[in-house]
Every structure is written in structure tokens, then in C-alpha cells.
Amino acid sequence: MPVLTYLGHSAFLVTSNHGSVVIDPFLTGNPTARTKPGDLKVDAVLLTHAHGDHLGDGVEIARANDAVIVAPFELANYCAGKGAKVHPMHIGGAHAFPFGRVKLTIAHHGSAAPDGTYCGNPCGFLLTMDGKTLYHPGDTALFYDMKLIGEMHPIDVAVLPIGDNFTMGIDDAVKAAELLSPRMVVPMHYKTFDIIDSDPQEFARRVTERGVQCRVVGIGEILEY
């Protein structure tokens, strides 16, 4: 059974019997983070896009752990140029790793690194470990193909951004939960900064009213799924 640990913002640590991965590890400079890059022992780093609050400490963590960075092609190449071991992928593609299966989905957002380097398209991830599937859409707007994603890939947990301004707000995230039809949703990408100060309890209430189970996971808390 995989274990999900919320590291703050959009960062999650996922561990299972076959390995550990971290997704979008924005820790340094994150005012809500309690975990430091050196605390993490992982086999892979999954990056949805190159913005600083998602790329974060990804290269440092990968190099320290001799871990592979899994990311869209252009972002993977950017990280390789920083000395990281990488496995480039692209949207629609899937690959079986020792720790589990990763498939990339579309995401409507941007992807430029902090130094201004264009890093291709952003993505979302379907991560399957120990037979359970986690959907991490990265920073995305609402899109109707979420329904297709949910139909083709039964989702055990979907972590959804609710902060608005840069991503979906609560209204759109509630609709995303309806389209995806996961077994459970977890809100993310809120309250890190004042401009994304959305209420996760409001999201949880509205999603639950629509028949989708929701769990608000505090920073540092774990969820077995």
C-alpha cells in the first residue's frame, strides 16, 4: 500500500514496497515546508514543469540520491545540463520503472525555468505504485479531458490545485473532481503565498456534497491509499 506524505505547496513524497519518489519538491524558499532537501531519500524525482515552485530542489535531490528525474523532454534535458540523471518523457507516453509506472498527461499552464529557459510543455502524472494510482496534474487549468483520464485510468487519489490565480480555483477544482471521479481527492497548491489563500475546508465540503471523498492532508501528514 503506497503512503503519500504532503510536503507543502504541490510537493509530495510517495513511498511503497518498490521505492520512493518525490513530486515537485519545492522546499527551499517555501515558507510552509518543514522538510529539507537533505532529508529525502528517493529513487526518482517527478517534475511537472520548470517553474521555481515546482522544479524547486529537484536537481539537488536527484544528484544527492543518484535518483532519476522524470520529466517532459525539454525539462529533463535542462536538468541533465545541471548534472542530474534523467529519463525524458512526453505527454501521452508511459514507462514502467522499478518503483512503478508513470504516464504523462496534458496540463494547461507554462514551463519556463527560473533563469528564463523555455522547458517545453507542462504535464501531469499518473503514478501507479503497488497497484494504486495517484494523479498529480501539476499546475493546470480545468480541462474536459480530465473525464477521459478518469475513465481510462481508475484513480485512487487525485491531488488537485485549488489556489486560483495561477491554477484552478475551488470552483474549477470541484468540477475537476467530478470529471476525474477518483476514489479520493486531496487539495494542494494553496496558502503558500497570500495570492493563493484558498480555503481547503470549503473545497472539501463542496466536493463531499458531490459524492467524492476528500481528505485535507496537513503538511507533514501522511495518507495511506
Protein backbone atom coordinates (compact mmCIF):
# COMPACT_ATOMS: atom_id res chain seq x y z
CA MET A 1 0.00 0.00 0.00
CA PRO A 2 1.55 3.35 -1.04
CA VAL A 3 1.98 6.11 1.52
CA LEU A 4 1.59 9.76 0.50
CA THR A 5 3.27 12.49 2.55
CA TYR A 6 2.36 16.12 1.89
CA LEU A 7 5.46 18.31 1.89
CA GLY A 8 3.61 21.57 1.21
CA HIS A 9 2.52 23.53 -1.86
CA SER A 10 2.44 20.86 -4.63
CA ALA A 11 5.20 18.64 -3.25
CA PHE A 12 4.50 15.05 -2.25
CA LEU A 13 6.63 12.11 -1.20
CA VAL A 14 5.23 8.74 -2.29
CA THR A 15 6.66 5.54 -0.83
CA SER A 16 5.77 1.92 -1.48
CA ASN A 17 7.25 -1.55 -1.32
CA HIS A 18 9.13 -0.85 -4.54
CA GLY A 19 10.67 2.54 -3.88
CA SER A 20 10.15 6.22 -3.13
CA VAL A 21 9.55 9.21 -5.38
CA VAL A 22 9.09 12.90 -4.74
CA ILE A 23 6.93 15.11 -6.95
CA ASP A 24 7.63 18.83 -7.50
CA PRO A 25 9.93 19.22 -4.45
CA PHE A 26 9.74 22.97 -3.77
CA LEU A 27 11.28 23.03 -0.28
CA THR A 28 13.97 25.72 -0.15
CA GLY A 29 12.21 29.08 -0.13
CA ASN A 30 8.83 27.51 0.61
CA PRO A 31 7.53 29.29 3.73
CA THR A 32 5.31 26.33 4.64
CA ALA A 33 7.82 23.49 4.15
CA ARG A 34 9.16 21.57 7.13
CA THR A 35 11.27 19.10 5.19
CA LYS A 36 14.74 19.94 3.90
CA PRO A 37 16.15 18.57 0.65
CA GLY A 38 18.74 16.56 2.53
CA ASP A 39 16.02 14.77 4.49
CA LEU A 40 14.72 12.95 1.42
CA LYS A 41 15.87 9.52 0.28
CA VAL A 42 14.25 8.77 -3.07
CA ASP A 43 14.67 6.73 -6.23
CA ALA A 44 13.13 9.32 -8.53
CA VAL A 45 12.10 12.95 -8.79
CA LEU A 46 9.00 13.70 -10.89
CA LEU A 47 8.73 17.25 -12.22
CA THR A 48 5.53 18.57 -13.81
CA HIS A 49 7.09 21.78 -15.10
CA ALA A 50 10.03 24.14 -14.67
CA HIS A 51 8.62 26.98 -12.56
CA GLY A 52 10.68 27.56 -9.44
CA ASP A 53 7.91 26.49 -7.08
CA HIS A 54 7.81 23.05 -8.76
CA LEU A 55 11.32 22.42 -10.10
CA GLY A 56 12.40 23.58 -6.66
CA ASP A 57 15.17 21.42 -5.22
CA GLY A 58 14.65 18.67 -7.79
CA VAL A 59 18.15 18.70 -9.27
CA GLU A 60 19.83 18.85 -5.85
CA ILE A 61 17.72 15.96 -4.52
CA ALA A 62 18.33 13.85 -7.63
CA ARG A 63 22.08 14.36 -7.51
CA ALA A 64 22.30 13.66 -3.78
CA ASN A 65 20.38 10.38 -4.16
CA ASP A 66 21.69 9.29 -7.56
CA ALA A 67 18.00 9.37 -8.43
CA VAL A 68 16.48 9.80 -11.86
CA ILE A 69 14.48 12.90 -12.81
CA VAL A 70 11.36 12.02 -14.78
CA ALA A 71 10.02 15.00 -16.70
CA PRO A 72 8.89 16.19 -20.14
CA PHE A 73 11.70 16.02 -22.69
CA GLU A 74 12.81 19.65 -22.67
CA LEU A 75 12.74 19.95 -18.88
CA ALA A 76 14.60 16.65 -18.50
CA ASN A 77 17.32 17.91 -20.83
CA TYR A 78 17.55 21.14 -18.84
CA CYS A 79 18.07 19.11 -15.65
CA ALA A 80 20.65 16.90 -17.37
CA GLY A 81 22.58 20.06 -18.13
CA LYS A 82 22.66 20.71 -14.38
CA GLY A 83 24.25 17.32 -13.75
CA ALA A 84 21.20 15.21 -12.95
CA LYS A 85 20.42 11.72 -14.22
CA VAL A 86 17.22 11.95 -16.27
CA HIS A 87 14.58 9.92 -18.05
CA PRO A 88 12.90 12.16 -20.65
CA MET A 89 9.24 11.51 -21.47
CA HIS A 90 6.41 13.36 -23.13
CA ILE A 91 2.67 13.80 -22.92
CA GLY A 92 0.72 10.62 -23.62
CA GLY A 93 3.75 8.41 -23.01
CA ALA A 94 4.13 5.89 -20.21
CA HIS A 95 7.06 3.93 -18.83
CA ALA A 96 7.49 1.16 -16.25
CA PHE A 97 10.23 1.92 -13.72
CA PRO A 98 11.39 -0.32 -10.86
CA PHE A 99 9.38 1.85 -8.46
CA GLY A 100 6.19 1.88 -10.58
CA ARG A 101 4.54 3.08 -13.78
CA VAL A 102 4.47 6.71 -14.86
CA LYS A 103 2.24 8.19 -17.54
CA LEU A 104 2.25 11.84 -18.59
CA THR A 105 -0.98 13.75 -19.16
CA ILE A 106 -1.69 17.18 -20.55
CA ALA A 107 -1.72 20.23 -18.29
CA HIS A 108 -2.69 23.77 -19.27
CA HIS A 109 0.00 26.02 -17.83
CA GLY A 110 3.53 27.23 -18.67
CA SER A 111 7.04 25.86 -18.17
CA ALA A 112 9.97 28.26 -18.05
CA ALA A 113 12.82 27.75 -15.60
CA PRO A 114 13.77 30.48 -13.09
CA ASP A 115 16.64 31.54 -15.38
CA GLY A 116 14.18 32.08 -18.22
CA THR A 117 14.99 28.90 -20.16
CA TYR A 118 11.94 27.58 -22.01
CA CYS A 119 11.35 23.99 -20.92
CA GLY A 120 8.58 22.79 -23.22
CA ASN A 121 5.09 21.77 -22.19
CA PRO A 122 3.99 21.23 -18.60
CA CYS A 123 2.44 17.90 -17.70
CA GLY A 124 0.51 15.93 -15.13
CA PHE A 125 1.42 12.49 -13.84
CA LEU A 126 -0.44 9.24 -13.37
CA LEU A 127 1.79 7.37 -10.94
CA THR A 128 0.95 3.73 -10.25
CA MET A 129 2.74 2.02 -7.36
CA ASP A 130 1.70 -1.23 -5.65
CA GLY A 131 -1.37 -1.34 -7.89
CA LYS A 132 -2.66 2.06 -6.74
CA THR A 133 -2.82 5.15 -8.95
CA LEU A 134 -2.13 8.72 -7.92
CA TYR A 135 -3.00 11.60 -10.26
CA HIS A 136 -0.91 14.76 -9.86
CA PRO A 137 -1.97 17.27 -12.53
CA GLY A 138 0.68 19.86 -11.74
CA ASP A 139 -0.40 23.47 -12.13
CA THR A 140 -3.30 23.27 -14.51
CA ALA A 141 -6.48 24.89 -15.60
CA LEU A 142 -9.64 22.81 -15.76
CA PHE A 143 -9.96 20.81 -18.97
CA TYR A 144 -12.69 18.43 -20.10
CA ASP A 145 -10.27 15.62 -20.97
CA MET A 146 -9.99 15.02 -17.23
CA LYS A 147 -13.12 12.94 -17.75
CA LEU A 148 -11.26 10.78 -20.27
CA ILE A 149 -8.29 10.43 -17.92
CA GLY A 150 -10.57 9.19 -15.15
CA GLU A 151 -12.42 6.78 -17.45
CA MET A 152 -9.26 5.20 -18.82
CA HIS A 153 -7.25 5.17 -15.60
CA PRO A 154 -9.19 4.49 -12.38
CA ILE A 155 -7.68 6.91 -9.86
CA ASP A 156 -7.28 6.10 -6.19
CA VAL A 157 -6.12 9.60 -5.15
CA ALA A 158 -6.16 12.84 -7.12
CA VAL A 159 -4.28 15.80 -5.69
CA LEU A 160 -5.79 18.98 -7.11
CA PRO A 161 -4.63 22.61 -7.02
CA ILE A 162 -7.24 24.93 -5.51
CA GLY A 163 -5.34 28.19 -5.01
CA ASP A 164 -6.69 30.12 -8.03
CA ASN A 165 -4.82 32.92 -9.85
CA PHE A 166 -2.13 30.59 -11.27
CA THR A 167 -4.17 27.36 -11.30
CA MET A 168 -7.72 26.15 -10.82
CA GLY A 169 -9.64 27.77 -8.01
CA ILE A 170 -12.14 25.95 -5.85
CA ASP A 171 -14.99 26.10 -8.39
CA ASP A 172 -12.93 24.55 -11.15
CA ALA A 173 -11.23 22.05 -8.84
CA VAL A 174 -14.63 20.79 -7.69
CA LYS A 175 -15.60 20.25 -11.32
CA ALA A 176 -12.27 18.52 -11.94
CA ALA A 177 -13.06 16.10 -9.12
CA GLU A 178 -16.42 15.33 -10.73
CA LEU A 179 -14.81 14.68 -14.12
CA LEU A 180 -11.98 12.52 -12.77
CA SER A 181 -14.19 10.55 -10.39
CA PRO A 182 -11.33 9.43 -8.14
CA ARG A 183 -11.78 7.38 -5.00
CA MET A 184 -10.42 10.34 -3.02
CA VAL A 185 -9.22 13.89 -3.62
CA VAL A 186 -6.62 15.92 -1.71
CA PRO A 187 -6.28 19.70 -2.15
CA MET A 188 -2.88 21.26 -2.84
CA HIS A 189 -1.26 24.49 -4.07
CA TYR A 190 -2.96 26.82 -1.59
CA LYS A 191 -1.94 29.22 1.21
CA THR A 192 1.78 29.06 0.37
CA PHE A 193 1.53 32.70 -0.63
CA ASP A 194 -1.17 35.31 0.04
CA ILE A 195 -2.29 35.32 -3.58
CA ILE A 196 -3.34 31.64 -3.38
CA ASP A 197 -5.06 31.83 0.01
CA SER A 198 -7.95 29.45 -0.67
CA ASP A 199 -9.87 27.51 1.97
CA PRO A 200 -9.31 23.74 1.74
CA GLN A 201 -12.23 23.06 4.07
CA GLU A 202 -14.61 24.81 1.68
CA PHE A 203 -13.25 22.68 -1.14
CA ALA A 204 -13.66 19.53 0.96
CA ARG A 205 -17.25 20.40 1.85
CA ARG A 206 -18.28 21.11 -1.72
CA VAL A 207 -16.57 18.02 -3.13
CA THR A 208 -18.11 15.80 -0.46
CA GLU A 209 -21.56 17.18 -1.30
CA ARG A 210 -21.00 15.85 -4.82
CA GLY A 211 -20.22 12.37 -3.60
CA VAL A 212 -16.43 12.45 -3.84
CA GLN A 213 -14.45 11.61 -0.73
CA CYS A 214 -11.96 14.30 0.30
CA ARG A 215 -9.09 14.40 2.76
CA VAL A 216 -7.34 17.64 3.71
CA VAL A 217 -3.80 16.49 4.46
CA GLY A 218 -1.71 18.78 6.63
CA ILE A 219 1.92 19.48 5.86
CA GLY A 220 3.99 16.57 7.11
CA GLU A 221 0.93 14.33 7.44
CA ILE A 222 0.64 11.00 5.65
CA LEU A 223 -2.14 9.28 3.79
CA GLU A 224 -2.17 5.56 3.08
CA TYR A 225 -4.14 4.70 -0.04
